[in-house]
Protein backbone atom coordinates (compact mmCIF):
# COMPACT_ATOMS: atom_id res chain seq x y z
CA VAL A 1 -7.32 -0.09 5.29
CA VAL A 2 -9.60 3.12 6.01
CA THR A 3 -13.00 4.21 4.69
CA VAL A 4 -13.68 7.33 3.09
CA PRO A 5 -16.43 8.64 0.97
CA ARG A 6 -16.30 8.09 -2.88
CA HIS A 7 -17.00 11.78 -3.46
CA LYS A 8 -16.74 14.19 -0.75
CA LYS A 9 -19.64 16.69 -1.95
CA TYR A 10 -22.17 14.27 -2.68
CA PRO A 11 -22.57 11.44 0.31
CA PRO A 12 -25.07 8.96 -1.92
CA ALA A 13 -21.94 7.87 -4.13
CA GLY A 14 -21.06 5.61 -1.01
CA LYS A 15 -17.79 4.84 0.26
CA LYS A 16 -14.72 3.44 -0.74
CA ALA A 17 -11.70 1.09 1.17
CA VAL A 18 -8.21 3.20 1.04
CA LEU A 19 -5.32 1.25 1.69
CA GLN A 20 -2.44 3.22 3.57
CA SER A 21 0.91 2.19 3.45
CA SER A 22 4.34 3.39 4.28
CA THR A 23 5.13 3.75 0.56
CA LEU A 24 3.08 6.07 -1.78
CA TRP A 25 3.26 6.71 -4.89
CA LEU A 26 2.90 10.68 -5.70
CA ASP A 27 2.37 12.73 -9.03
CA GLN A 28 5.63 13.97 -10.43
CA VAL A 29 4.55 17.46 -10.80
CA ASP A 30 3.50 17.47 -7.36
CA ALA A 31 6.71 16.03 -5.76
CA LYS A 32 8.79 18.69 -7.74
CA GLU A 33 6.84 21.35 -5.71
CA LEU A 34 7.63 20.29 -2.44
CA ASN A 35 10.08 21.56 0.15
CA GLU A 36 11.81 19.82 2.90
CA GLY A 37 10.48 21.03 6.19
CA GLU A 38 7.07 21.76 4.52
CA GLU A 39 3.83 20.56 5.68
CA VAL A 40 1.64 19.16 3.22
CA THR A 41 -2.00 17.23 3.17
CA LEU A 42 -2.34 13.80 1.97
CA MET A 43 -5.94 13.93 0.79
CA ASP A 44 -7.78 11.62 2.83
CA TRP A 45 -5.42 10.64 5.26
CA GLY A 46 -4.23 14.07 7.13
CA ASN A 47 -0.82 15.96 7.18
CA ALA A 48 2.91 14.97 6.87
CA TRP A 49 6.02 16.69 7.14
CA VAL A 50 8.47 16.80 4.18
CA ARG A 51 11.43 15.64 5.89
CA SER A 52 13.78 14.89 3.03
CA ILE A 53 13.87 14.90 -1.01
CA SER A 54 16.12 13.15 -3.11
CA LYS A 55 16.47 14.15 -6.72
CA GLU A 56 18.30 12.87 -10.27
CA PRO A 57 21.04 15.42 -10.48
CA GLU A 58 20.73 15.39 -14.24
CA THR A 59 16.85 15.67 -15.00
CA GLY A 60 15.57 16.92 -11.25
CA VAL A 61 13.40 14.13 -11.05
CA VAL A 62 12.41 13.23 -7.72
CA SER A 63 13.49 9.51 -7.18
CA ALA A 64 12.60 9.51 -3.48
CA LEU A 65 10.76 11.64 -0.15
CA SER A 66 10.86 11.05 3.25
CA LEU A 67 7.57 12.06 4.72
CA GLU A 68 6.66 11.93 8.42
CA LEU A 69 2.73 11.78 9.38
CA HIS A 70 1.63 14.81 11.63
CA PRO A 71 -1.70 13.77 12.69
CA GLY A 72 -2.55 17.19 14.42
CA GLY A 73 -1.70 19.20 11.52
CA ASP A 74 -4.39 21.48 10.00
CA PRO A 75 -5.15 20.94 6.36
CA LYS A 76 -6.45 24.29 5.79
CA LYS A 77 -2.76 25.87 6.57
CA THR A 78 -1.05 23.57 4.07
CA ARG A 79 -0.03 24.92 0.29
CA MET A 80 -0.03 21.12 -0.96
CA LYS A 81 -3.06 19.13 -1.08
CA LEU A 82 -1.67 15.88 -2.46
CA THR A 83 -3.31 13.00 -4.17
CA TRP A 84 -1.46 9.61 -3.42
CA LEU A 85 -1.67 5.69 -4.17
CA ALA A 86 -0.21 3.47 -1.64
CA GLN A 87 2.43 0.70 -3.18
CA SER A 88 0.54 -2.33 -3.65
CA GLU A 89 0.01 -5.13 -5.60
CA GLU A 90 -3.48 -4.06 -6.12
CA LEU A 91 -3.02 -0.98 -8.23
CA VAL A 92 -4.76 -1.18 -11.65
CA GLU A 93 -2.66 -0.16 -14.83
CA LEU A 94 -4.43 2.47 -16.79
CA LEU A 95 -4.21 3.97 -20.06
CA LEU A 96 -5.20 7.90 -20.17
CA VAL A 97 -6.05 8.84 -23.86
CA ASP A 98 -7.26 12.48 -24.46
CA PHE A 99 -7.96 13.89 -27.93
CA ASP A 100 -6.96 17.27 -29.40
CA TYR A 101 -8.73 19.15 -32.15
CA LEU A 102 -8.46 17.63 -35.82
CA ILE A 103 -7.87 21.31 -37.29
CA ASN A 104 -6.30 24.08 -35.75
CA LYS A 105 -8.50 26.75 -36.98
CA ARG A 106 -11.71 28.08 -35.56
CA LYS A 107 -13.23 28.96 -38.69
CA VAL A 108 -11.80 27.89 -41.91
CA GLU A 109 -12.01 30.29 -45.01
CA GLU A 110 -12.37 28.96 -48.56
CA ASP A 111 -8.59 30.09 -49.59
CA ASP A 112 -7.27 28.11 -46.53
CA ASP A 113 -4.96 25.23 -47.58
CA PHE A 114 -6.49 22.43 -45.78
CA MET A 115 -3.98 20.30 -45.09
CA GLN A 116 -1.62 23.32 -43.20
CA LEU A 117 -4.86 23.28 -40.76
CA VAL A 118 -4.68 19.71 -40.15
CA ASN A 119 -3.31 18.87 -36.20
CA PRO A 120 -0.51 16.24 -37.03
CA THR A 121 -1.20 14.42 -33.55
CA THR A 122 -4.69 14.24 -31.99
CA LYS A 123 -4.41 11.35 -30.01
CA PHE A 124 -2.16 11.69 -26.73
CA GLU A 125 -2.00 8.47 -24.39
CA VAL A 126 -0.46 8.47 -20.95
CA PRO A 127 0.50 5.34 -18.87
CA ALA A 128 -0.88 5.94 -15.28
CA SER A 129 -1.59 3.65 -12.17
CA GLY A 130 -5.37 3.43 -10.26
CA ASP A 131 -6.81 2.85 -6.88
CA GLY A 132 -7.81 -1.06 -6.66
CA ASN A 133 -11.30 0.13 -6.41
CA MET A 134 -11.14 0.77 -9.94
CA ARG A 135 -10.94 -3.16 -10.80
CA VAL A 136 -14.95 -3.00 -10.71
CA LEU A 137 -15.46 -0.11 -13.41
CA GLN A 138 -17.22 -1.65 -16.44
CA LYS A 139 -17.48 -0.04 -20.12
CA GLY A 140 -19.00 3.52 -20.17
CA GLU A 141 -18.92 4.02 -16.54
CA VAL A 142 -17.75 7.68 -15.90
CA ILE A 143 -15.16 8.58 -13.20
CA GLN A 144 -13.20 11.47 -11.76
CA LEU A 145 -9.36 11.40 -11.46
CA GLU A 146 -8.70 13.76 -8.62
CA ARG A 147 -6.91 16.94 -10.30
CA LYS A 148 -6.95 15.04 -13.73
CA GLY A 149 -10.69 15.55 -14.70
CA TYR A 150 -13.49 13.19 -15.74
CA TYR A 151 -13.12 9.73 -17.68
CA ILE A 152 -14.75 7.15 -19.16
CA VAL A 153 -14.12 3.53 -19.22
CA ASP A 154 -13.37 2.55 -22.81
CA GLN A 155 -11.80 -0.90 -21.87
CA PRO A 156 -12.39 -2.06 -18.59
CA LEU A 157 -10.11 -4.28 -16.56
CA THR A 158 -10.03 -7.87 -18.78
CA LYS A 159 -6.64 -9.72 -18.26
CA PRO A 160 -3.31 -9.09 -16.39
CA GLY A 161 -0.87 -6.94 -18.14
CA LYS A 162 -3.44 -5.44 -20.27
CA PRO A 163 -4.44 -1.92 -19.10
CA MET A 164 -7.76 -0.26 -18.32
CA VAL A 165 -8.44 2.35 -21.22
CA LEU A 166 -10.16 5.55 -19.97
CA PHE A 167 -11.11 8.53 -22.34
CA CYS A 168 -10.69 11.91 -21.10
CA ILE A 169 -14.28 13.63 -21.23
CA PRO A 170 -13.75 17.31 -22.39
CA ASP A 171 -14.23 19.95 -19.74
CA GLY A 172 -15.81 22.72 -21.99
CA ARG A 173 -12.37 24.76 -22.02
CA THR A 174 -10.97 25.66 -25.44
CA LYS A 175 -7.70 24.57 -25.94
CA THR A 176 -5.44 26.55 -28.03
CA MET A 177 -6.49 27.36 -31.26
CA THR A 178 -5.83 30.17 -34.05
CA LYS A 179 -8.49 32.50 -34.93
């Protein structure tokens, strides 16, 4: 366990304990981008060499990676900065919820068929895992998930087997919408 700042650019946020382990979880999107022999940065840990990559032949899903820590590496020289979680029983089960626009047109005209403008799916749920430090979050607290965005706690962790529910907070960027 190492102690790191909760927010790198805002010291008053305090510090948090981070578990380091020989087995890590990486986002599949990141894992697919890695190349054998490449040096990467494990955020809040240091650099590592990608020694081997195992993929499922049919799907291309990365099923395993082998990394070797490289303490003397320079994070400024790596292409990939990876967020990670140590495999642990302390991980928190999450449900990340995002919402889309109810209608798919910016300005509804009088002759528009309104039912053709209604988005059929406006709620998206993605299961995820979170750092054990998230256990203490309460309803209404806001948290930034690295490289995912800002979320507000809708349902805190209350009982085993029931995930913490986090709602995505819109960032002001517009989603695809017809004129």
